[in-house]
Amino acid sequence: MSTRWRLFRNNTRSLSTAEGLAIDDTLPQSVADHKGIPILHLYTFVPSVIVGKYQDIEAALRLDRCKARGIEFNRRSTGGGTVIMGPEIVALGLGIHVDCPGLRNSGVGGVFQSMGEVLSKALERIGVSSQFRAKNDLEVAGKKIAGLSAASETGKSLLFHTSFLVDFDVELMTDIMNTPLVKLSDKGYNCFSRRMTTLREEAGRDISVTNAMDMIQRAFEEQFGISFEDDGPDEWEKSTIDRFIRERYTNPEWIFSHKHPRSRMGVGRLKTGGGLLEIYLSLSGGSIENVVITGDFFSTSEDISRLESVLKWTSARDEKIKESIGKVWRSDMIYGLDVDTLTRAILLAKENQVRL
C-alpha cells in the first residue's frame, strides 16, 4: 500500500451528538485547508436521534418523548433523513477530496456508489451480500442495513456520513419519530421491523461494534489501496471542533433551523428519487411571494437559497416556473431530482395554497 490516510477511531466511549458531529464537520475542513490527507472517523454516539440538514426537527421528531427517554437530538450538516444512533451503531465520517484516486468523480451519486461499495466489501467479510439502492441505502435482501449521506460545503472537499447497524432498537424509532405517511406508503411497509436489518441478524451471531469497525477499516484499505495511520485531532483541528460545537451543535438556532413555515402556506409534498421533497409556498396575485424548500434530499445551502431566490416573484404558471428554475439549474443541484419534479411539487403547493 503506497498511500496513508489518517484514522480517528474511538473504541473507548460513545460521543455526544455535539462532539461527534463537530469532529465530522472538521474532517473536510482539514482536507481542504490544513493537512490535505483523507480522514476516516469511526465511533459511536450516545443514545440519540439526528435529523438531516434540511429537515424540520420539530416535525420529524416527538421531542417530548426524546427528552423523557433521555435521547439526545441534533441536526447534522449532511442531507438525508432521520437516523437513530447509539452504542450499537457504527457512526462513520469521512473527509475526502472529490478528486482522490479511487473515488468515483461523478457528483454525489458517484460518491454514494463508491461508499456503498466499501460497505459492501465490509459485509462480504462475514459472508453477507448487499446492494446499494438509490437514493442512499445499503440493503441486504431488501432491508436497510446502512444509510448514507454526504455534503460538499468546502470547495472540492466532501464530508461523507453513514450509520452502520450492528444492532437496532425498532421500538425506540417508532416511539420518537414522526414519519410522513407519504414515506411509509411509498416503501410499502406497515412496520419498521420489516424495513430494517442489522449486522448481527444477517450474520446469525454476535458481532461486536469493534469487529464491525475492523471490517470497515479493512474494506477501505482494500477499496482504495491505502493504509491507515492511527491519529487524533491536532491543535488546529481541536480549535475547529470547538468552534463547530459552539456555533452549531449546542446552538438552538442551528438545531431548530429549517422550520416549516407556521403561516398559511400551501404545501407540496412528493416522495422522489432524491428523497422526500416539501415545498411551502404563498402567492401574491399570480406570483410566488415566498417559497421554502425542505425535505430529506441532498444539496447545499447555497444551491437551495439560489433556487428559492430565483423563484420568488416568479409567475406561478408551469412554464414560467420551469423557465426560472432553468436559469440556475445544473445536474445534481438537488441529487436525484430534475426540473420537472421540482416544478410538480411547486404546482402542488400552489394548488393547496389556492384552496386555503
Protein backbone atom coordinates (compact mmCIF):
# COMPACT_ATOMS: atom_id res chain seq x y z
CA MET A 1 0.00 0.00 0.00
CA SER A 2 1.53 3.27 -1.10
CA THR A 3 -0.76 5.86 0.48
CA ARG A 4 -1.51 6.51 4.12
CA TRP A 5 -4.77 8.03 5.33
CA ARG A 6 -5.45 9.31 8.84
CA LEU A 7 -7.75 7.33 11.16
CA PHE A 8 -9.65 8.84 14.09
CA ARG A 9 -11.09 5.79 15.87
CA ASN A 10 -12.86 5.84 19.22
CA ASN A 11 -13.40 2.42 20.81
CA THR A 12 -13.46 3.55 24.43
CA ARG A 13 -16.58 5.72 24.76
CA SER A 14 -19.65 6.90 22.88
CA LEU A 15 -19.63 10.55 21.84
CA SER A 16 -22.28 13.20 22.37
CA THR A 17 -24.01 14.40 19.22
CA ALA A 18 -22.26 17.77 19.53
CA GLU A 19 -18.77 16.26 19.76
CA GLY A 20 -19.25 13.58 17.10
CA LEU A 21 -20.83 15.88 14.54
CA ALA A 22 -18.30 18.66 15.20
CA ILE A 23 -15.40 16.28 14.60
CA ASP A 24 -17.00 15.11 11.36
CA ASP A 25 -17.53 18.67 10.12
CA THR A 26 -13.84 19.34 10.78
CA LEU A 27 -12.72 16.48 8.52
CA PRO A 28 -13.35 18.16 5.12
CA GLN A 29 -12.08 21.46 6.54
CA SER A 30 -8.79 19.76 7.39
CA VAL A 31 -8.58 18.12 3.97
CA ALA A 32 -9.26 21.47 2.25
CA ASP A 33 -7.34 23.93 4.40
CA HIS A 34 -4.91 22.08 6.64
CA LYS A 35 -3.18 18.74 6.05
CA GLY A 36 -4.89 17.66 2.83
CA ILE A 37 -4.97 13.98 3.84
CA PRO A 38 -8.24 11.95 3.84
CA ILE A 39 -9.52 11.23 7.35
CA LEU A 40 -11.77 8.34 8.41
CA HIS A 41 -13.62 8.77 11.71
CA LEU A 42 -15.11 5.60 13.28
CA TYR A 43 -17.05 5.94 16.52
CA THR A 44 -20.41 5.52 18.25
CA PHE A 45 -22.89 8.04 19.66
CA VAL A 46 -24.67 8.08 22.97
CA PRO A 47 -28.39 7.18 22.51
CA SER A 48 -29.53 9.90 20.15
CA VAL A 49 -31.51 10.86 17.07
CA ILE A 50 -30.13 13.09 14.32
CA VAL A 51 -32.06 14.78 11.51
CA GLY A 52 -30.75 15.74 8.09
CA LYS A 53 -29.72 19.28 7.29
CA TYR A 54 -32.93 20.32 5.52
CA GLN A 55 -35.46 18.68 7.84
CA ASP A 56 -37.70 20.41 10.37
CA ILE A 57 -36.64 18.72 13.61
CA GLU A 58 -39.92 19.55 15.36
CA ALA A 59 -41.89 17.97 12.53
CA ALA A 60 -39.57 14.95 12.25
CA LEU A 61 -39.39 14.06 15.95
CA ARG A 62 -41.55 13.83 19.04
CA LEU A 63 -39.20 15.94 21.09
CA ASP A 64 -41.13 15.47 24.32
CA ARG A 65 -40.57 11.72 24.08
CA CYS A 66 -36.89 12.21 23.28
CA LYS A 67 -36.48 14.29 26.44
CA ALA A 68 -38.48 11.86 28.58
CA ARG A 69 -36.31 8.95 27.42
CA GLY A 70 -33.02 10.83 27.73
CA ILE A 71 -32.38 10.71 23.98
CA GLU A 72 -30.15 13.46 22.60
CA PHE A 73 -31.32 15.16 19.40
CA ASN A 74 -29.41 17.28 16.92
CA ARG A 75 -29.07 18.27 13.25
CA ARG A 76 -26.15 17.20 11.06
CA SER A 77 -24.61 19.18 8.20
CA THR A 78 -25.31 16.50 5.58
CA GLY A 79 -28.63 15.87 3.86
CA GLY A 80 -30.86 12.84 4.10
CA GLY A 81 -33.37 11.67 6.67
CA THR A 82 -33.62 10.99 10.37
CA VAL A 83 -31.30 8.39 11.92
CA ILE A 84 -31.38 6.73 15.33
CA MET A 85 -27.86 6.37 16.78
CA GLY A 86 -26.36 4.70 19.83
CA PRO A 87 -23.59 2.47 21.20
CA GLU A 88 -24.60 -0.46 18.95
CA ILE A 89 -24.47 1.52 15.68
CA VAL A 90 -21.19 2.40 14.00
CA ALA A 91 -21.01 6.06 13.02
CA LEU A 92 -18.66 6.86 10.16
CA GLY A 93 -17.42 10.24 8.99
CA LEU A 94 -15.05 10.61 6.05
CA GLY A 95 -13.33 13.78 4.88
CA ILE A 96 -12.01 13.36 1.34
CA HIS A 97 -11.22 15.37 -1.80
CA VAL A 98 -13.57 14.64 -4.70
CA ASP A 99 -10.55 14.01 -6.97
CA CYS A 100 -9.00 11.43 -4.64
CA PRO A 101 -7.80 8.36 -6.61
CA GLY A 102 -10.28 5.51 -6.35
CA LEU A 103 -13.28 7.75 -5.70
CA ARG A 104 -15.88 7.93 -8.44
CA ASN A 105 -15.82 11.54 -9.62
CA SER A 106 -19.38 11.90 -10.88
CA GLY A 107 -21.15 14.06 -8.32
CA VAL A 108 -22.98 12.98 -5.21
CA GLY A 109 -24.31 9.84 -6.87
CA GLY A 110 -20.80 8.65 -7.64
CA VAL A 111 -19.70 9.28 -4.07
CA PHE A 112 -22.63 7.27 -2.74
CA GLN A 113 -21.82 4.41 -5.10
CA SER A 114 -18.15 4.39 -4.03
CA MET A 115 -19.00 4.35 -0.35
CA GLY A 116 -21.69 1.73 -0.92
CA GLU A 117 -19.02 -0.48 -2.50
CA VAL A 118 -16.78 -0.06 0.56
CA LEU A 119 -19.54 -1.08 2.95
CA SER A 120 -20.49 -4.00 0.70
CA LYS A 121 -16.88 -5.21 0.89
CA ALA A 122 -17.08 -4.98 4.68
CA LEU A 123 -20.20 -7.17 4.71
CA GLU A 124 -18.62 -9.67 2.33
CA ARG A 125 -16.05 -10.41 5.03
CA ILE A 126 -18.76 -12.20 7.02
CA GLY A 127 -20.49 -13.72 4.02
CA VAL A 128 -23.32 -11.18 3.72
CA SER A 129 -24.31 -9.98 0.25
CA SER A 130 -25.65 -6.42 -0.08
CA GLN A 131 -26.70 -3.90 -2.72
CA PHE A 132 -26.66 -0.11 -2.90
CA ARG A 133 -30.08 1.34 -3.67
CA ALA A 134 -30.85 4.88 -4.74
CA LYS A 135 -31.14 7.21 -3.17
CA ASN A 136 -28.88 6.33 -0.26
CA ASP A 137 -29.46 2.95 1.36
CA LEU A 138 -27.29 -0.15 1.55
CA GLU A 139 -29.66 -3.12 1.65
CA VAL A 140 -29.49 -6.82 2.43
CA ALA A 141 -32.33 -8.77 0.80
CA GLY A 142 -34.35 -5.56 0.50
CA LYS A 143 -33.79 -4.44 4.11
CA LYS A 144 -31.75 -1.39 5.09
CA ILE A 145 -28.52 -2.03 6.99
CA ALA A 146 -26.80 1.33 6.43
CA GLY A 147 -27.92 4.83 5.48
CA LEU A 148 -25.56 7.09 3.53
CA SER A 149 -25.38 10.88 3.37
CA ALA A 150 -22.91 13.45 2.07
CA ALA A 151 -22.30 17.18 1.73
CA SER A 152 -19.85 19.37 -0.13
CA GLU A 153 -19.59 22.79 1.52
CA THR A 154 -15.79 23.22 1.39
CA GLY A 155 -14.70 23.63 -2.20
CA LYS A 156 -13.88 20.16 -3.52
CA SER A 157 -13.61 18.54 -0.10
CA LEU A 158 -16.51 16.33 0.82
CA LEU A 159 -17.97 15.01 4.07
CA PHE A 160 -19.46 11.55 3.83
CA HIS A 161 -21.61 10.07 6.62
CA THR A 162 -23.05 6.65 7.30
CA SER A 163 -24.74 4.78 10.11
CA PHE A 164 -23.94 1.02 10.07
CA LEU A 165 -26.48 -1.01 12.01
CA VAL A 166 -24.78 -3.59 14.24
CA ASP A 167 -27.96 -3.72 16.32
CA PHE A 168 -31.06 -1.51 16.37
CA ASP A 169 -33.97 -0.55 18.64
CA VAL A 170 -37.08 -0.52 16.42
CA GLU A 171 -39.37 0.30 19.35
CA LEU A 172 -37.37 3.44 20.13
CA MET A 173 -37.54 4.54 16.49
CA THR A 174 -41.29 4.18 16.24
CA ASP A 175 -41.81 5.95 19.59
CA ILE A 176 -39.82 9.13 18.93
CA MET A 177 -40.16 9.67 15.17
CA ASN A 178 -42.88 11.38 13.19
CA THR A 179 -42.72 9.76 9.76
CA PRO A 180 -44.85 11.27 7.00
CA LEU A 181 -47.43 8.85 5.63
CA VAL A 182 -46.19 9.60 2.12
CA LYS A 183 -42.85 7.97 3.00
CA LEU A 184 -44.39 4.92 4.64
CA SER A 185 -46.85 4.28 1.83
CA ASP A 186 -44.10 4.61 -0.77
CA LYS A 187 -41.97 1.98 0.95
CA GLY A 188 -44.89 -0.42 1.17
CA TYR A 189 -44.13 -1.49 4.74
CA ASN A 190 -46.51 -1.31 7.69
CA CYS A 191 -43.79 -1.88 10.28
CA PHE A 192 -40.23 -0.57 10.57
CA SER A 193 -39.05 -4.04 11.60
CA ARG A 194 -39.83 -5.27 8.09
CA ARG A 195 -37.73 -2.46 6.58
CA MET A 196 -34.58 -2.67 8.75
CA THR A 197 -31.97 -5.34 9.41
CA THR A 198 -28.74 -5.50 11.41
CA LEU A 199 -25.28 -6.96 11.11
CA ARG A 200 -25.95 -9.43 13.92
CA GLU A 201 -29.22 -10.58 12.40
CA GLU A 202 -27.68 -11.18 8.98
CA ALA A 203 -24.54 -12.84 10.35
CA GLY A 204 -26.55 -15.04 12.70
CA ARG A 205 -24.10 -14.48 15.51
CA ASP A 206 -22.89 -11.84 17.98
CA ILE A 207 -20.60 -9.39 16.19
CA SER A 208 -19.17 -6.58 18.29
CA VAL A 209 -19.00 -2.93 17.30
CA THR A 210 -15.20 -3.24 17.40
CA ASN A 211 -15.39 -6.12 14.90
CA ALA A 212 -17.65 -4.02 12.66
CA MET A 213 -15.18 -1.13 12.75
CA ASP A 214 -12.37 -3.54 11.84
CA MET A 215 -14.38 -4.78 8.85
CA ILE A 216 -15.00 -1.24 7.63
CA GLN A 217 -11.36 -0.23 8.09
CA ARG A 218 -10.10 -3.25 6.10
CA ALA A 219 -12.67 -2.60 3.36
CA PHE A 220 -11.44 1.00 2.91
CA GLU A 221 -7.87 -0.25 2.66
CA GLU A 222 -8.86 -2.79 0.01
CA GLN A 223 -11.06 -0.39 -1.98
CA PHE A 224 -8.59 2.50 -2.12
CA GLY A 225 -5.26 0.65 -1.85
CA ILE A 226 -4.22 2.58 1.25
CA SER A 227 -3.18 2.00 4.85
CA PHE A 228 -4.27 3.92 7.94
CA GLU A 229 -2.25 5.86 10.45
CA ASP A 230 -3.89 5.91 13.89
CA ASP A 231 -4.22 9.57 14.76
CA GLY A 232 -6.32 12.17 16.50
CA PRO A 233 -7.16 15.85 16.05
CA ASP A 234 -4.21 18.23 16.28
CA GLU A 235 -4.44 21.68 17.83
CA TRP A 236 -5.76 23.32 14.64
CA GLU A 237 -8.43 20.66 14.33
CA LYS A 238 -9.34 20.82 18.03
CA SER A 239 -9.92 24.56 17.67
CA THR A 240 -12.16 23.95 14.65
CA ILE A 241 -14.08 21.24 16.53
CA ASP A 242 -14.67 23.60 19.46
CA ARG A 243 -15.96 26.26 17.05
CA PHE A 244 -18.44 23.86 15.46
CA ILE A 245 -19.65 22.76 18.90
CA ARG A 246 -20.29 26.39 19.88
CA GLU A 247 -21.68 27.69 16.60
CA ARG A 248 -23.71 24.66 15.53
CA TYR A 249 -24.25 21.69 17.76
CA THR A 250 -25.06 23.43 21.04
CA ASN A 251 -26.74 26.37 19.29
CA PRO A 252 -30.57 26.29 19.16
CA GLU A 253 -30.50 28.47 16.04
CA TRP A 254 -28.75 25.62 14.21
CA ILE A 255 -30.64 22.74 15.79
CA PHE A 256 -34.08 24.30 15.17
CA SER A 257 -33.33 25.82 11.77
CA HIS A 258 -35.23 24.84 8.61
CA LYS A 259 -38.57 25.12 10.35
CA HIS A 260 -41.65 24.58 8.29
CA PRO A 261 -43.49 27.90 7.96
CA ARG A 262 -46.28 28.25 10.52
CA SER A 263 -48.24 30.75 8.41
CA ARG A 264 -50.92 29.77 5.92
CA MET A 265 -48.83 28.48 3.06
CA GLY A 266 -49.67 25.82 0.51
CA VAL A 267 -47.70 22.59 0.90
CA GLY A 268 -46.48 20.39 -1.95
CA ARG A 269 -45.11 17.09 -0.70
CA LEU A 270 -43.63 14.45 -3.04
CA LYS A 271 -41.62 11.27 -2.48
CA THR A 272 -38.95 11.43 -5.18
CA GLY A 273 -35.88 9.53 -6.26
CA GLY A 274 -33.85 12.10 -4.36
CA GLY A 275 -35.82 11.88 -1.12
CA LEU A 276 -38.88 13.47 0.41
CA LEU A 277 -39.40 16.94 -1.11
CA GLU A 278 -41.57 19.51 0.67
CA ILE A 279 -42.42 22.88 -0.85
CA TYR A 280 -44.08 25.64 1.20
CA LEU A 281 -45.48 28.43 -0.95
CA SER A 282 -47.53 31.59 -0.68
CA LEU A 283 -48.97 33.63 -3.56
CA SER A 284 -49.49 37.31 -4.21
CA GLY A 285 -51.83 37.67 -7.13
CA GLY A 286 -50.49 35.29 -9.74
CA SER A 287 -46.89 35.36 -8.50
CA ILE A 288 -44.92 33.39 -5.91
CA GLU A 289 -44.49 35.70 -2.94
CA ASN A 290 -42.49 33.26 -0.82
CA VAL A 291 -41.20 29.71 -1.21
CA VAL A 292 -39.37 27.38 1.19
CA ILE A 293 -37.73 24.13 0.01
CA THR A 294 -37.22 21.45 2.69
CA GLY A 295 -37.06 17.66 2.93
CA ASP A 296 -34.55 14.83 3.29
CA PHE A 297 -32.76 15.33 -0.02
CA PHE A 298 -29.06 16.06 -0.69
CA SER A 299 -27.93 19.51 -1.79
CA THR A 300 -26.06 22.52 -0.42
CA SER A 301 -27.41 25.53 1.46
CA GLU A 302 -26.08 27.78 -1.29
CA ASP A 303 -27.99 25.90 -4.01
CA ILE A 304 -31.25 25.80 -2.05
CA SER A 305 -31.01 29.54 -1.38
CA ARG A 306 -30.32 30.15 -5.07
CA LEU A 307 -33.44 28.21 -6.08
CA GLU A 308 -35.65 29.94 -3.50
CA SER A 309 -34.36 33.34 -4.63
CA VAL A 310 -34.91 32.77 -8.35
CA LEU A 311 -38.46 31.51 -7.71
CA LYS A 312 -39.53 34.50 -5.62
CA TRP A 313 -41.90 36.78 -7.58
CA THR A 314 -41.94 34.32 -10.48
CA SER A 315 -45.30 33.88 -12.20
CA ALA A 316 -46.88 30.74 -10.73
CA ARG A 317 -47.55 29.22 -14.16
CA ASP A 318 -45.95 25.93 -15.16
CA GLU A 319 -43.81 27.28 -17.97
CA LYS A 320 -42.62 30.34 -16.01
CA ILE A 321 -41.62 28.21 -13.02
CA LYS A 322 -39.57 25.92 -15.27
CA GLU A 323 -38.03 28.92 -17.01
CA SER A 324 -36.94 30.47 -13.70
CA ILE A 325 -35.52 27.21 -12.32
CA GLY A 326 -33.68 26.66 -15.60
CA LYS A 327 -31.75 29.91 -15.13
CA VAL A 328 -29.79 28.40 -12.22
CA TRP A 329 -30.31 24.64 -12.56
CA ARG A 330 -27.45 22.20 -13.11
CA SER A 331 -27.18 18.42 -12.87
CA ASP A 332 -27.38 17.08 -9.29
CA MET A 333 -28.21 20.52 -7.88
CA ILE A 334 -30.61 18.50 -5.75
CA TYR A 335 -29.40 14.93 -6.06
CA GLY A 336 -31.96 12.65 -7.71
CA LEU A 337 -34.30 15.46 -8.80
CA ASP A 338 -34.93 17.18 -12.11
CA VAL A 339 -36.63 20.43 -13.10
CA ASP A 340 -39.94 18.71 -13.91
CA THR A 341 -40.17 17.03 -10.49
CA LEU A 342 -39.35 20.24 -8.63
CA THR A 343 -41.91 22.11 -10.73
CA ARG A 344 -44.55 19.45 -10.00
CA ALA A 345 -44.03 19.87 -6.24
CA ILE A 346 -44.27 23.67 -6.57
CA LEU A 347 -47.52 23.40 -8.56
CA LEU A 348 -48.93 21.04 -5.93
CA ALA A 349 -48.11 23.62 -3.26
CA LYS A 350 -49.78 26.27 -5.43
CA GLU A 351 -52.98 24.20 -5.69
CA ASN A 352 -53.07 23.73 -1.93
CA GLN A 353 -52.41 27.44 -1.34
CA VAL A 354 -55.37 28.37 -3.56
CA ARG A 355 -57.63 26.06 -1.50
CA LEU A 356 -56.74 27.78 1.78
